[in-house]
Amino acid sequence: MNKRTGSRIALFTVGAVVGLAAVAALGAAGTGLWAHTSKRDGSGFYTTHAHRYATDTSALATAKVDVAGDVPDWVFDKFRIRVEPADGRRIFVGVGRSDDVTRYLAGVAHAEVSDVDLDPFDATYVSRRGTRSATPPASRTFWDASASGKGVQDLVWKPHKGDWSVVVMNADGSAGVAADVSVAAKAQLVLWASIGAAVLGLALGALAALLIWLGARRPPQPPAVPAAVPVTP
């Protein structure tokens, strides 16, 4: 294989790799734009379906979430947690520092939601034993955001750095909590990231087409030298 042939193969190979990257970027852009146009509600939140969470104890609590670690605080503008009681009782939902939540629920029987699968839906709970009755959650002042009342409750929270936990309880702190919960997020970054991915994908696609064309085209052949015609004396 001569040097020119090797260069053509290299161009063709690099062009194919760049083409795959272009397809990936355009796929991500398409997914993001589809979500932006079809998966947002009227308030601009990307939302999950509501699912039933229940415990016969006094509270449902999430494991701590590290904002700026597990969840970058610059990605999402706001979170919304929508809670609808399954039994018509007054319900409470709050977001608080994990250390404060741990102190509040110390000695109170509650369930910690440790893992959630959405398709199909399945929630894993870790039972925390306790004998102390819970005080009404709205009476505590450590909540960074909370909502309480009868019927559907919407908690809207702007994330910021720290370890946080979400708690769902009956408003009076009594045992037996059952609610349909959905989580939504507002993120302007989705639209801009999708546009950026689309521009990048188109640029990579053009570069890939050029490289593949350069690798596939045959080099110009030198002009044929006419055969010498013998001269008859």
Protein backbone atom coordinates (compact mmCIF):
# COMPACT_ATOMS: atom_id res chain seq x y z
CA MET A 1 0.00 0.00 0.00
CA ASN A 2 1.50 3.30 -1.06
CA LYS A 3 1.44 6.52 0.95
CA ARG A 4 -1.41 8.05 -1.05
CA THR A 5 -3.66 5.05 -0.49
CA GLY A 6 -2.89 5.07 3.24
CA SER A 7 -3.88 8.75 3.48
CA ARG A 8 -7.19 8.05 1.73
CA ILE A 9 -8.01 5.23 4.13
CA ALA A 10 -7.16 7.45 7.11
CA LEU A 11 -9.41 10.25 5.83
CA PHE A 12 -12.26 7.82 5.21
CA THR A 13 -11.90 6.28 8.70
CA VAL A 14 -11.75 9.62 10.51
CA GLY A 15 -14.72 10.83 8.48
CA ALA A 16 -16.75 7.78 9.53
CA VAL A 17 -15.93 8.37 13.22
CA VAL A 18 -16.83 12.07 12.95
CA GLY A 19 -20.04 11.04 11.22
CA LEU A 20 -21.01 8.82 14.15
CA ALA A 21 -20.35 11.72 16.52
CA ALA A 22 -22.58 13.91 14.35
CA VAL A 23 -25.40 11.35 14.50
CA ALA A 24 -25.09 11.19 18.31
CA ALA A 25 -25.15 14.98 18.64
CA LEU A 26 -28.17 15.32 16.36
CA GLY A 27 -29.94 12.51 18.23
CA ALA A 28 -29.37 14.29 21.55
CA ALA A 29 -30.57 17.55 20.02
CA GLY A 30 -33.71 15.90 18.70
CA THR A 31 -34.49 14.32 22.06
CA GLY A 32 -33.98 17.60 23.88
CA LEU A 33 -36.11 19.61 21.44
CA TRP A 34 -38.84 16.94 21.58
CA ALA A 35 -38.85 17.10 25.38
CA HIS A 36 -38.89 20.90 25.30
CA THR A 37 -41.90 21.05 22.99
CA SER A 38 -43.96 18.06 24.18
CA LYS A 39 -42.98 17.20 27.77
CA ARG A 40 -43.44 20.57 29.45
CA ASP A 41 -46.61 21.61 31.22
CA GLY A 42 -48.20 25.05 31.06
CA SER A 43 -45.81 26.37 33.73
CA GLY A 44 -42.72 25.27 31.82
CA PHE A 45 -41.87 22.27 34.02
CA TYR A 46 -40.68 18.93 32.69
CA THR A 47 -42.70 16.52 34.80
CA THR A 48 -42.90 12.84 35.67
CA HIS A 49 -46.11 10.87 36.01
CA ALA A 50 -47.62 10.70 39.49
CA HIS A 51 -46.95 7.49 41.43
CA ARG A 52 -48.32 6.19 44.72
CA TYR A 53 -46.04 6.23 47.76
CA ALA A 54 -47.32 4.82 51.03
CA THR A 55 -46.22 3.80 54.50
CA ASP A 56 -48.02 2.82 57.70
CA THR A 57 -45.50 4.89 59.66
CA SER A 58 -45.54 8.65 60.30
CA ALA A 59 -43.45 9.91 57.37
CA LEU A 60 -41.97 9.26 53.96
CA ALA A 61 -38.50 10.72 53.56
CA THR A 62 -35.93 10.59 50.79
CA ALA A 63 -32.29 9.76 51.30
CA LYS A 64 -30.16 12.90 51.23
CA VAL A 65 -29.52 14.51 47.87
CA ASP A 66 -26.28 16.42 47.45
CA VAL A 67 -27.03 19.52 45.37
CA ALA A 68 -23.86 20.60 43.51
CA GLY A 69 -22.58 17.04 43.93
CA ASP A 70 -25.30 14.55 42.92
CA VAL A 71 -27.32 17.32 41.25
CA PRO A 72 -25.48 20.40 39.88
CA ASP A 73 -27.28 23.49 41.17
CA TRP A 74 -26.74 25.34 37.87
CA VAL A 75 -28.64 22.80 35.77
CA PHE A 76 -32.16 23.28 37.17
CA ASP A 77 -33.90 26.59 37.80
CA LYS A 78 -36.62 25.15 40.03
CA PHE A 79 -38.11 21.88 41.23
CA ARG A 80 -41.79 21.25 41.83
CA ILE A 81 -43.06 18.40 43.98
CA ARG A 82 -46.80 17.82 43.59
CA VAL A 83 -48.46 15.74 46.29
CA GLU A 84 -52.07 14.56 46.34
CA PRO A 85 -53.26 12.66 49.44
CA ALA A 86 -54.77 9.28 48.62
CA ASP A 87 -57.21 9.35 51.54
CA GLY A 88 -58.37 12.97 51.54
CA ARG A 89 -56.44 13.89 54.68
CA ARG A 90 -54.49 17.12 55.04
CA ILE A 91 -51.01 16.53 53.68
CA PHE A 92 -47.61 18.14 54.17
CA VAL A 93 -44.56 18.16 51.90
CA GLY A 94 -41.30 19.87 52.78
CA VAL A 95 -37.65 20.16 51.75
CA GLY A 96 -35.10 20.60 54.50
CA ARG A 97 -31.44 20.16 55.26
CA SER A 98 -30.79 16.46 55.72
CA ASP A 99 -29.28 16.97 59.18
CA ASP A 100 -32.38 18.89 60.32
CA VAL A 101 -34.70 16.24 58.90
CA THR A 102 -32.71 13.48 60.62
CA ARG A 103 -32.99 15.27 63.97
CA TYR A 104 -36.71 15.92 63.47
CA LEU A 105 -37.47 12.27 62.65
CA ALA A 106 -35.12 10.79 65.28
CA GLY A 107 -37.10 8.26 67.29
CA VAL A 108 -40.11 8.53 64.95
CA ALA A 109 -41.06 5.48 62.89
CA HIS A 110 -40.77 6.43 59.24
CA ALA A 111 -39.89 5.02 55.83
CA GLU A 112 -36.92 6.21 53.80
CA VAL A 113 -37.30 5.99 50.02
CA SER A 114 -33.93 4.62 49.00
CA ASP A 115 -34.46 3.76 45.34
CA VAL A 116 -37.08 4.43 42.67
CA ASP A 117 -37.53 2.77 39.26
CA LEU A 118 -39.92 4.61 36.95
CA ASP A 119 -40.51 2.09 34.15
CA PRO A 120 -42.10 0.01 35.53
CA PHE A 121 -42.63 2.00 38.72
CA ASP A 122 -41.22 0.46 41.88
CA ALA A 123 -40.11 2.14 45.10
CA THR A 124 -37.76 0.61 47.66
CA TYR A 125 -38.27 1.63 51.28
CA VAL A 126 -35.98 1.30 54.27
CA SER A 127 -37.92 1.14 57.54
CA ARG A 128 -36.68 3.30 60.42
CA ARG A 129 -38.10 2.18 63.73
CA GLY A 130 -39.21 4.51 66.46
CA THR A 131 -41.68 4.96 69.30
CA ARG A 132 -41.96 8.74 69.54
CA SER A 133 -44.95 10.56 68.02
CA ALA A 134 -44.13 13.13 65.35
CA THR A 135 -44.94 16.76 66.00
CA PRO A 136 -46.92 18.47 63.20
CA PRO A 137 -44.27 19.19 60.54
CA ALA A 138 -45.51 22.69 59.66
CA SER A 139 -44.74 23.76 63.25
CA ARG A 140 -41.02 23.39 62.59
CA THR A 141 -39.05 26.28 61.10
CA PHE A 142 -36.12 24.52 59.42
CA TRP A 143 -37.93 23.78 56.14
CA ASP A 144 -36.38 25.53 53.16
CA ALA A 145 -39.69 25.19 51.30
CA SER A 146 -42.96 23.50 52.22
CA ALA A 147 -46.65 23.21 51.39
CA SER A 148 -49.48 21.94 53.55
CA GLY A 149 -53.24 21.62 53.32
CA LYS A 150 -56.15 19.64 51.97
CA GLY A 151 -56.09 18.36 48.41
CA VAL A 152 -53.25 18.76 45.91
CA GLN A 153 -50.19 20.58 47.29
CA ASP A 154 -47.42 22.04 45.13
CA LEU A 155 -44.01 22.68 46.62
CA VAL A 156 -41.80 24.85 44.39
CA TRP A 157 -38.14 24.97 45.41
CA LYS A 158 -35.04 26.58 43.95
CA PRO A 159 -32.11 24.21 44.54
CA HIS A 160 -28.95 25.47 46.15
CA LYS A 161 -25.82 23.87 47.52
CA GLY A 162 -26.16 21.42 50.38
CA ASP A 163 -27.55 18.05 51.44
CA TRP A 164 -31.34 18.00 51.25
CA SER A 165 -34.18 15.60 52.00
CA VAL A 166 -37.85 15.65 50.99
CA VAL A 167 -40.48 14.64 53.56
CA VAL A 168 -44.15 13.79 52.99
CA MET A 169 -46.37 13.46 56.07
CA ASN A 170 -49.92 13.87 57.23
CA ALA A 171 -50.27 17.48 58.36
CA ASP A 172 -51.00 16.41 61.95
CA GLY A 173 -48.02 14.04 62.08
CA SER A 174 -50.18 10.93 62.42
CA ALA A 175 -49.20 7.51 61.08
CA GLY A 176 -50.41 6.09 57.79
CA VAL A 177 -49.21 8.24 54.89
CA ALA A 178 -50.35 7.61 51.32
CA ALA A 179 -49.99 10.09 48.47
CA ASP A 180 -49.59 10.32 44.72
CA VAL A 181 -46.36 12.20 44.04
CA SER A 182 -44.92 13.68 40.85
CA VAL A 183 -41.64 15.55 40.46
CA ALA A 184 -41.02 18.27 37.90
CA ALA A 185 -38.06 20.45 37.00
CA LYS A 186 -37.68 23.69 35.11
CA ALA A 187 -34.44 23.93 33.15
CA GLN A 188 -33.85 26.52 30.44
CA LEU A 189 -30.55 24.77 29.78
CA VAL A 190 -32.42 21.99 27.95
CA LEU A 191 -33.39 24.27 25.05
CA TRP A 192 -29.99 25.93 24.71
CA ALA A 193 -28.14 22.64 25.07
CA SER A 194 -30.36 21.12 22.37
CA ILE A 195 -29.71 24.03 20.01
CA GLY A 196 -25.98 23.78 20.69
CA ALA A 197 -26.04 20.03 20.06
CA ALA A 198 -27.90 20.59 16.79
CA VAL A 199 -25.34 23.16 15.59
CA LEU A 200 -22.48 20.87 16.62
CA GLY A 201 -24.11 17.90 14.89
CA LEU A 202 -24.56 19.81 11.63
CA ALA A 203 -20.95 21.05 11.73
CA LEU A 204 -19.62 17.56 12.44
CA GLY A 205 -21.83 16.15 9.68
CA ALA A 206 -20.40 18.60 7.15
CA LEU A 207 -16.85 17.80 8.26
CA ALA A 208 -17.55 14.06 8.06
CA ALA A 209 -18.96 14.40 4.54
CA LEU A 210 -15.88 16.33 3.43
CA LEU A 211 -13.46 13.81 4.95
CA ILE A 212 -15.30 10.83 3.47
CA TRP A 213 -15.42 12.51 0.06
CA LEU A 214 -11.68 13.23 0.20
CA GLY A 215 -10.99 9.67 1.27
CA ALA A 216 -13.26 8.06 -1.31
CA ARG A 217 -12.36 10.07 -4.40
CA ARG A 218 -9.81 8.63 -6.71
CA PRO A 219 -6.73 10.75 -7.26
CA PRO A 220 -6.32 12.18 -10.76
CA GLN A 221 -4.44 9.86 -13.05
CA PRO A 222 -1.39 11.21 -14.87
CA PRO A 223 -1.99 11.68 -18.61
CA ALA A 224 -1.12 8.65 -20.68
CA VAL A 225 2.18 8.91 -22.57
CA PRO A 226 1.55 8.09 -26.22
CA ALA A 227 3.40 5.09 -27.41
CA ALA A 228 6.35 5.83 -29.64
CA VAL A 229 5.61 5.24 -33.30
CA PRO A 230 8.44 3.53 -35.08
CA VAL A 231 9.79 5.51 -37.97
CA THR A 232 10.30 3.57 -41.16
CA PRO A 233 13.45 4.65 -42.96
